[in-house]
Amino acid sequence: MPIVVLGLSHHSSPVTVRERFAFVEATVPAVLQKIRESGLASEAVILSTCNRVEIYASCEGSEAQAFAALRKFLLEHHNFQDPIGNELYALGEPKSLEHLFKVASGLDSMVLGETEILGQLKKAYDLALQHKHTGSRLNKAFQRAFNVAKHIRTDTNIQRGSISVASVAVELAEKIFTSLGDRTVMVLGAGETSEKAARALLSRGANSIIVSNRSHDKAVALAEELKGRAIHFDHWDAEFAEIDIVISSTSAPHYVLDRNKLQPLMKLRKNRPLLLIDIAVPRDIEPEVNFLENVYLYNIDDLQAIAAQYLKQRQEEIVHCNAIIREKVNGLLSAPGNRTGFTNPNLALE
């Protein structure tokens, strides 16, 4: 039973497409159950982040049949009826395992070598594991991927420099305002990404932090840790007169800030520059707000330009990392008891 991957990422598609395929975490166990009950896979894990949506599956039958069935399922589940081509990629063994190991190690990330994806991958795997949607094949593959990520983190320099989307977002803020010392920051959403962004802002000298989240208790807890202030989610727009930077990463299925809502708020701010960093998928902020005077909106794809600055200094480490991954994939596929039918362990990484 080969392991296959079907998905899309920031490499293959823009956020306008990715957000239409995003899974809400609470729905993932039921989706995995449907995949297995429909006979599409015997084991499955769904990874859904701001930069990628991927289904990892162990399937019976041919890889071509698995790709066609999973593709149809994904499109129908999200009611996606527009033409789609290379945005969706499908990988069979050994490329599927190479891809999993690269994702775990941050080698496929927007910011090369970042570590946040490893935590997201572990969480996705644990969710599938706890609901009994994995078995020996995926368990072995994901555990090996986590070990490879640890190896690469300790034995290479791939993580040198800025290593997360949150820290790149903060560097963007510094480029806009030069100094964060007299700036007030609002964080919408009290999740892991928002927390990292808030901590990075404080470390760069941000004057004050305001936290707003649909769960007010979570906002209060995070605000206390950051020595900031929590406000109710329904009242955050009342604070706009004093805010300079907004980092938004909620799980809302629709825009929480649009042009009609922001335009009168800008008048309260006397049209001072406002930086909006939308790192949510689906997006939190309507793109049209960018047309307002003194408003600067950047979404998750816009951060790619900054991330690219770090690619050159880490490029020399890719060869070393690929050699480690090649060795580990070879070992996994040639291990006793492997039933994939793959007989040529001499892989060549692109």
Protein backbone atom coordinates (compact mmCIF):
# COMPACT_ATOMS: atom_id res chain seq x y z
CA MET A 1 0.00 0.00 0.00
CA PRO A 2 1.92 3.06 -1.24
CA ILE A 3 1.90 6.42 0.50
CA VAL A 4 0.68 9.24 -1.71
CA VAL A 5 0.35 13.00 -1.29
CA LEU A 6 -2.24 15.22 -2.93
CA GLY A 7 -2.28 18.92 -2.23
CA LEU A 8 -1.43 22.50 -3.05
CA SER A 9 0.94 24.99 -1.49
CA HIS A 10 2.40 28.47 -1.87
CA HIS A 11 4.71 26.97 -4.51
CA SER A 12 1.81 25.91 -6.75
CA SER A 13 -1.04 28.31 -6.06
CA PRO A 14 -1.82 31.80 -4.69
CA VAL A 15 -3.68 32.39 -1.45
CA THR A 16 -6.84 33.14 -3.43
CA VAL A 17 -6.92 29.45 -4.40
CA ARG A 18 -5.47 27.94 -1.22
CA GLU A 19 -8.03 29.58 1.03
CA ARG A 20 -10.83 27.82 -0.85
CA PHE A 21 -9.36 24.44 0.06
CA ALA A 22 -8.55 25.15 3.73
CA PHE A 23 -9.94 22.79 6.37
CA VAL A 24 -11.22 23.97 9.75
CA GLU A 25 -9.43 21.84 12.34
CA ALA A 26 -12.65 20.79 14.08
CA THR A 27 -13.94 19.22 10.86
CA VAL A 28 -10.80 17.25 9.99
CA PRO A 29 -11.60 14.02 11.93
CA ALA A 30 -14.97 13.74 10.17
CA VAL A 31 -13.33 14.36 6.79
CA LEU A 32 -10.72 11.69 7.47
CA GLN A 33 -13.48 9.31 8.50
CA LYS A 34 -15.28 9.96 5.22
CA ILE A 35 -12.09 9.38 3.23
CA ARG A 36 -11.58 5.99 4.87
CA GLU A 37 -15.21 4.90 4.82
CA SER A 38 -15.41 5.76 1.11
CA GLY A 39 -12.49 3.42 0.45
CA LEU A 40 -10.28 6.24 -0.81
CA ALA A 41 -7.53 5.36 1.66
CA SER A 42 -6.89 2.96 4.51
CA GLU A 43 -4.91 5.62 6.42
CA ALA A 44 -4.94 9.39 6.06
CA VAL A 45 -3.65 12.66 7.54
CA ILE A 46 -4.75 16.17 6.53
CA LEU A 47 -2.34 19.09 6.88
CA SER A 48 -4.01 22.49 6.48
CA THR A 49 -1.96 25.63 7.17
CA CYS A 50 -1.72 29.15 5.76
CA ASN A 51 0.74 27.92 3.14
CA ARG A 52 -0.49 24.46 2.23
CA VAL A 53 -3.37 21.98 2.19
CA GLU A 54 -2.24 18.37 1.77
CA ILE A 55 -3.72 14.89 2.15
CA TYR A 56 -1.24 12.16 3.06
CA ALA A 57 -2.75 8.75 2.45
CA SER A 58 -1.89 5.07 2.37
CA CYS A 59 -3.96 3.55 -0.42
CA GLU A 60 -4.68 0.17 -1.89
CA GLY A 61 -4.56 -0.22 -5.64
CA SER A 62 -2.55 1.91 -8.04
CA GLU A 63 -1.26 5.38 -7.33
CA ALA A 64 -3.05 6.72 -10.41
CA GLN A 65 -6.39 5.49 -9.05
CA ALA A 66 -5.62 7.02 -5.64
CA PHE A 67 -4.72 10.39 -7.18
CA ALA A 68 -7.92 10.52 -9.26
CA ALA A 69 -10.15 9.53 -6.34
CA LEU A 70 -8.56 11.93 -3.83
CA ARG A 71 -8.58 14.78 -6.32
CA LYS A 72 -12.28 14.27 -7.00
CA PHE A 73 -13.00 14.09 -3.28
CA LEU A 74 -11.09 17.29 -2.53
CA LEU A 75 -12.78 19.27 -5.29
CA GLU A 76 -16.25 18.04 -4.40
CA HIS A 77 -15.77 18.53 -0.67
CA HIS A 78 -14.92 22.19 -1.19
CA ASN A 79 -17.43 22.60 -4.04
CA PHE A 80 -14.60 23.83 -6.26
CA GLN A 81 -15.96 24.04 -9.80
CA ASP A 82 -13.41 26.34 -11.43
CA PRO A 83 -10.76 24.92 -13.77
CA ILE A 84 -7.71 23.72 -11.88
CA GLY A 85 -4.52 22.22 -13.19
CA ASN A 86 -0.98 22.43 -11.87
CA GLU A 87 -2.19 24.11 -8.67
CA LEU A 88 -2.87 20.60 -7.35
CA TYR A 89 0.10 18.26 -7.20
CA ALA A 90 0.13 14.50 -6.71
CA LEU A 91 3.16 12.57 -5.50
CA GLY A 92 3.72 8.83 -5.27
CA GLU A 93 6.57 6.90 -3.67
CA PRO A 94 9.37 7.74 -3.31
CA LYS A 95 8.58 11.42 -4.01
CA SER A 96 5.74 11.42 -1.48
CA LEU A 97 8.14 10.45 1.31
CA GLU A 98 10.78 12.91 0.14
CA HIS A 99 8.11 15.61 0.22
CA LEU A 100 6.92 14.68 3.72
CA PHE A 101 10.48 14.79 5.04
CA LYS A 102 11.13 18.14 3.35
CA VAL A 103 7.93 19.62 4.75
CA ALA A 104 8.81 18.45 8.28
CA SER A 105 12.29 19.93 7.95
CA GLY A 106 11.11 23.32 6.67
CA LEU A 107 12.72 22.74 3.26
CA ASP A 108 9.43 23.26 1.42
CA SER A 109 8.38 26.32 3.41
CA MET A 110 8.03 29.94 2.34
CA VAL A 111 10.81 30.77 4.79
CA LEU A 112 13.38 28.08 4.12
CA GLY A 113 14.21 26.14 7.27
CA GLU A 114 11.43 27.59 9.46
CA THR A 115 10.36 25.44 12.41
CA GLU A 116 6.69 26.36 12.78
CA ILE A 117 5.63 23.82 10.14
CA LEU A 118 7.04 20.95 12.21
CA GLY A 119 4.66 21.76 15.06
CA GLN A 120 1.77 22.06 12.61
CA LEU A 121 2.64 18.72 11.03
CA LYS A 122 2.89 17.01 14.43
CA LYS A 123 -0.50 18.45 15.39
CA ALA A 124 -2.08 17.23 12.15
CA TYR A 125 -0.61 13.77 12.60
CA ASP A 126 -1.65 13.58 16.26
CA LEU A 127 -5.22 14.56 15.35
CA ALA A 128 -5.42 11.71 12.85
CA LEU A 129 -3.70 9.31 15.24
CA GLN A 130 -6.03 10.08 18.16
CA HIS A 131 -9.08 9.42 15.96
CA LYS A 132 -7.52 6.17 14.69
CA HIS A 133 -7.13 7.27 11.08
CA THR A 134 -3.48 6.21 10.81
CA GLY A 135 -1.87 2.79 10.82
CA SER A 136 1.53 1.22 10.53
CA ARG A 137 2.41 2.82 7.19
CA LEU A 138 1.73 6.46 8.04
CA ASN A 139 2.82 6.04 11.65
CA LYS A 140 6.24 4.85 10.52
CA ALA A 141 6.54 7.53 7.83
CA PHE A 142 5.58 10.45 10.07
CA GLN A 143 7.73 9.30 12.97
CA ARG A 144 10.67 9.03 10.60
CA ALA A 145 9.89 12.50 9.22
CA PHE A 146 10.02 13.98 12.72
CA ASN A 147 13.38 12.30 13.34
CA VAL A 148 14.73 13.64 10.05
CA ALA A 149 13.60 17.16 10.96
CA LYS A 150 15.45 16.90 14.28
CA HIS A 151 18.56 15.64 12.51
CA ILE A 152 18.53 18.50 10.01
CA ARG A 153 17.87 21.07 12.73
CA THR A 154 20.89 19.96 14.77
CA ASP A 155 23.35 18.98 12.01
CA THR A 156 22.92 21.76 9.42
CA ASN A 157 22.70 25.56 9.27
CA ILE A 158 19.44 25.61 7.31
CA GLN A 159 17.67 27.56 10.07
CA ARG A 160 20.11 30.45 10.15
CA GLY A 161 18.39 33.85 10.13
CA SER A 162 14.67 34.58 10.27
CA ILE A 163 12.83 31.28 10.65
CA SER A 164 9.11 31.93 10.82
CA VAL A 165 6.29 33.70 9.04
CA ALA A 166 5.69 35.72 12.21
CA SER A 167 9.24 37.04 12.37
CA VAL A 168 9.18 37.93 8.68
CA ALA A 169 5.94 39.84 9.30
CA VAL A 170 7.67 41.78 12.07
CA GLU A 171 10.58 42.65 9.81
CA LEU A 172 8.08 44.01 7.31
CA ALA A 173 6.61 46.20 10.06
CA GLU A 174 10.07 47.56 10.81
CA LYS A 175 10.63 48.42 7.17
CA ILE A 176 7.39 50.41 7.09
CA PHE A 177 7.82 52.24 10.41
CA THR A 178 11.61 52.09 10.91
CA SER A 179 11.12 51.76 14.67
CA LEU A 180 8.41 49.95 16.62
CA GLY A 181 9.17 51.75 19.87
CA ASP A 182 6.24 54.16 19.69
CA ARG A 183 3.81 51.91 17.84
CA THR A 184 0.65 50.27 19.13
CA VAL A 185 -0.03 46.78 17.82
CA MET A 186 -3.26 44.85 17.70
CA VAL A 187 -3.25 41.09 17.33
CA LEU A 188 -6.49 39.56 16.06
CA GLY A 189 -6.61 35.88 16.98
CA ALA A 190 -4.87 34.29 19.94
CA GLY A 191 -3.50 31.26 18.14
CA GLU A 192 0.08 30.05 17.93
CA THR A 193 1.03 32.18 14.91
CA SER A 194 -0.45 35.32 16.46
CA GLU A 195 1.34 34.65 19.74
CA LYS A 196 4.69 34.28 17.99
CA ALA A 197 4.11 37.48 16.05
CA ALA A 198 3.21 39.36 19.23
CA ARG A 199 6.31 38.10 21.07
CA ALA A 200 8.51 39.06 18.13
CA LEU A 201 6.99 42.55 18.06
CA LEU A 202 7.65 43.00 21.76
CA SER A 203 11.22 41.81 21.37
CA ARG A 204 11.70 44.52 18.73
CA GLY A 205 10.45 47.21 21.11
CA ALA A 206 6.73 47.57 20.36
CA ASN A 207 5.16 50.09 22.71
CA SER A 208 1.98 48.19 23.55
CA ILE A 209 0.05 45.10 22.54
CA ILE A 210 -3.72 44.74 22.31
CA VAL A 211 -5.11 41.22 21.91
CA SER A 212 -8.55 40.40 20.61
CA ASN A 213 -9.98 36.94 20.06
CA ARG A 214 -13.43 35.41 19.74
CA SER A 215 -12.66 33.44 22.90
CA HIS A 216 -12.08 36.31 25.31
CA ASP A 217 -10.50 34.01 27.90
CA LYS A 218 -7.74 33.14 25.43
CA ALA A 219 -7.22 36.81 24.65
CA VAL A 220 -6.91 37.59 28.36
CA ALA A 221 -4.43 34.75 28.92
CA LEU A 222 -2.23 35.84 26.03
CA ALA A 223 -2.44 39.52 26.97
CA GLU A 224 -1.34 38.72 30.52
CA GLU A 225 1.67 36.79 29.24
CA LEU A 226 2.63 39.65 26.96
CA LYS A 227 1.87 42.37 29.53
CA GLY A 228 -0.66 43.77 27.11
CA ARG A 229 -4.38 44.39 27.15
CA ALA A 230 -7.25 42.16 26.03
CA ILE A 231 -10.45 43.47 24.48
CA HIS A 232 -13.63 41.72 23.38
CA PHE A 233 -13.69 40.70 19.75
CA ASP A 234 -16.89 42.62 19.06
CA HIS A 235 -15.23 45.86 20.24
CA TRP A 236 -11.81 45.78 18.63
CA ASP A 237 -12.72 48.36 15.98
CA ALA A 238 -13.26 50.93 18.75
CA GLU A 239 -9.49 50.85 19.38
CA PHE A 240 -8.51 51.81 15.84
CA ALA A 241 -7.84 55.44 16.63
CA GLU A 242 -4.62 54.43 18.42
CA ILE A 243 -3.49 51.39 16.43
CA ASP A 244 -0.57 51.45 13.98
CA ILE A 245 -0.14 47.76 13.11
CA VAL A 246 -2.65 44.91 12.89
CA ILE A 247 -1.55 41.30 12.62
CA SER A 248 -4.59 39.17 11.87
CA SER A 249 -4.70 35.39 12.04
CA THR A 250 -8.19 34.30 13.03
CA SER A 251 -10.00 31.17 11.86
CA ALA A 252 -13.01 33.13 10.61
CA PRO A 253 -14.49 31.77 7.35
CA HIS A 254 -15.11 35.31 6.09
CA TYR A 255 -13.49 38.75 6.17
CA VAL A 256 -13.38 40.33 9.63
CA LEU A 257 -12.28 43.66 8.15
CA ASP A 258 -13.48 45.07 4.83
CA ARG A 259 -13.24 48.39 3.03
CA ASN A 260 -16.65 49.65 4.16
CA LYS A 261 -15.77 49.01 7.79
CA LEU A 262 -12.25 50.43 7.63
CA GLN A 263 -12.93 53.64 5.70
CA PRO A 264 -14.73 55.50 8.55
CA LEU A 265 -12.19 54.14 11.05
CA MET A 266 -9.36 55.76 9.08
CA LYS A 267 -11.00 59.14 9.60
CA LEU A 268 -10.87 58.56 13.37
CA ARG A 269 -7.15 57.90 13.01
CA LYS A 270 -6.72 61.14 11.04
CA ASN A 271 -5.40 59.00 8.18
CA ARG A 272 -2.15 58.07 9.92
CA PRO A 273 -0.39 55.18 8.14
CA LEU A 274 -1.84 51.78 9.01
CA LEU A 275 -0.05 48.49 8.37
CA LEU A 276 -2.26 45.42 8.04
CA ILE A 277 -0.59 42.01 7.94
CA ASP A 278 -3.06 39.27 7.12
CA ILE A 279 -1.53 35.86 7.81
CA ALA A 280 -4.84 34.01 7.94
CA VAL A 281 -6.10 31.48 5.41
CA PRO A 282 -8.89 32.04 4.51
CA ARG A 283 -7.94 35.72 4.54
CA ASP A 284 -9.24 37.97 7.31
CA ILE A 285 -8.96 41.28 5.45
CA GLU A 286 -10.65 42.23 2.20
CA PRO A 287 -8.03 43.05 -0.49
CA GLU A 288 -9.91 46.23 -1.46
CA VAL A 289 -8.77 47.98 1.73
CA ASN A 290 -5.45 48.44 -0.05
CA PHE A 291 -7.08 51.13 -2.16
CA LEU A 292 -7.64 53.34 0.89
CA GLU A 293 -5.15 56.15 1.40
CA ASN A 294 -2.38 55.43 3.93
CA VAL A 295 -3.40 51.77 4.29
CA TYR A 296 -0.77 49.12 3.57
CA LEU A 297 -2.08 45.54 3.37
CA TYR A 298 0.13 42.46 3.03
CA ASN A 299 -1.16 38.90 2.93
CA ILE A 300 0.66 35.63 3.41
CA ASP A 301 1.82 35.52 -0.22
CA ASP A 302 3.25 39.02 -0.02
CA LEU A 303 5.60 37.80 2.69
CA GLN A 304 7.28 35.62 0.04
CA ALA A 305 9.33 38.57 -1.17
CA ILE A 306 10.91 39.05 2.24
CA ALA A 307 11.35 35.33 2.73
CA ALA A 308 13.28 35.16 -0.54
CA GLN A 309 15.97 37.36 0.97
CA TYR A 310 16.92 34.51 3.28
CA LEU A 311 16.97 31.89 0.56
CA LYS A 312 20.44 32.75 -0.72
CA GLN A 313 22.19 32.46 2.65
CA ARG A 314 20.59 29.04 3.24
CA GLN A 315 20.91 27.70 -0.29
CA GLU A 316 24.28 26.10 0.34
CA GLU A 317 22.73 23.95 3.08
CA ILE A 318 20.08 22.44 0.79
CA VAL A 319 22.51 19.92 -0.73
CA HIS A 320 23.47 18.73 2.76
CA CYS A 321 19.82 18.47 3.83
CA ASN A 322 18.81 16.62 0.66
CA ALA A 323 21.57 14.09 1.24
CA ILE A 324 20.19 13.41 4.73
CA ILE A 325 16.65 13.02 3.37
CA ARG A 326 17.83 10.73 0.56
CA GLU A 327 19.53 8.47 3.09
CA LYS A 328 16.48 8.34 5.38
CA VAL A 329 13.99 7.66 2.56
CA ASN A 330 16.21 4.90 1.22
CA GLY A 331 16.37 3.38 4.69
CA LEU A 332 12.62 3.51 5.15
CA LEU A 333 11.81 1.97 1.76
CA SER A 334 14.41 -0.78 2.05
CA ALA A 335 13.51 -1.73 5.63
CA PRO A 336 12.36 -5.32 6.27
CA GLY A 337 8.60 -5.60 6.04
CA ASN A 338 8.21 -2.76 3.55
CA ARG A 339 5.51 -3.75 1.08
CA THR A 340 5.47 -0.84 -1.30
CA GLY A 341 6.98 -2.83 -4.14
CA PHE A 342 9.62 -0.14 -4.64
CA THR A 343 12.82 -1.89 -5.58
CA ASN A 344 15.19 0.93 -6.54
CA PRO A 345 16.29 2.81 -3.41
CA ASN A 346 18.82 4.91 -5.33
CA LEU A 347 16.82 8.15 -5.36
CA ALA A 348 17.75 11.46 -6.92
CA LEU A 349 16.32 14.55 -5.26
CA GLU A 350 15.48 17.47 -7.49
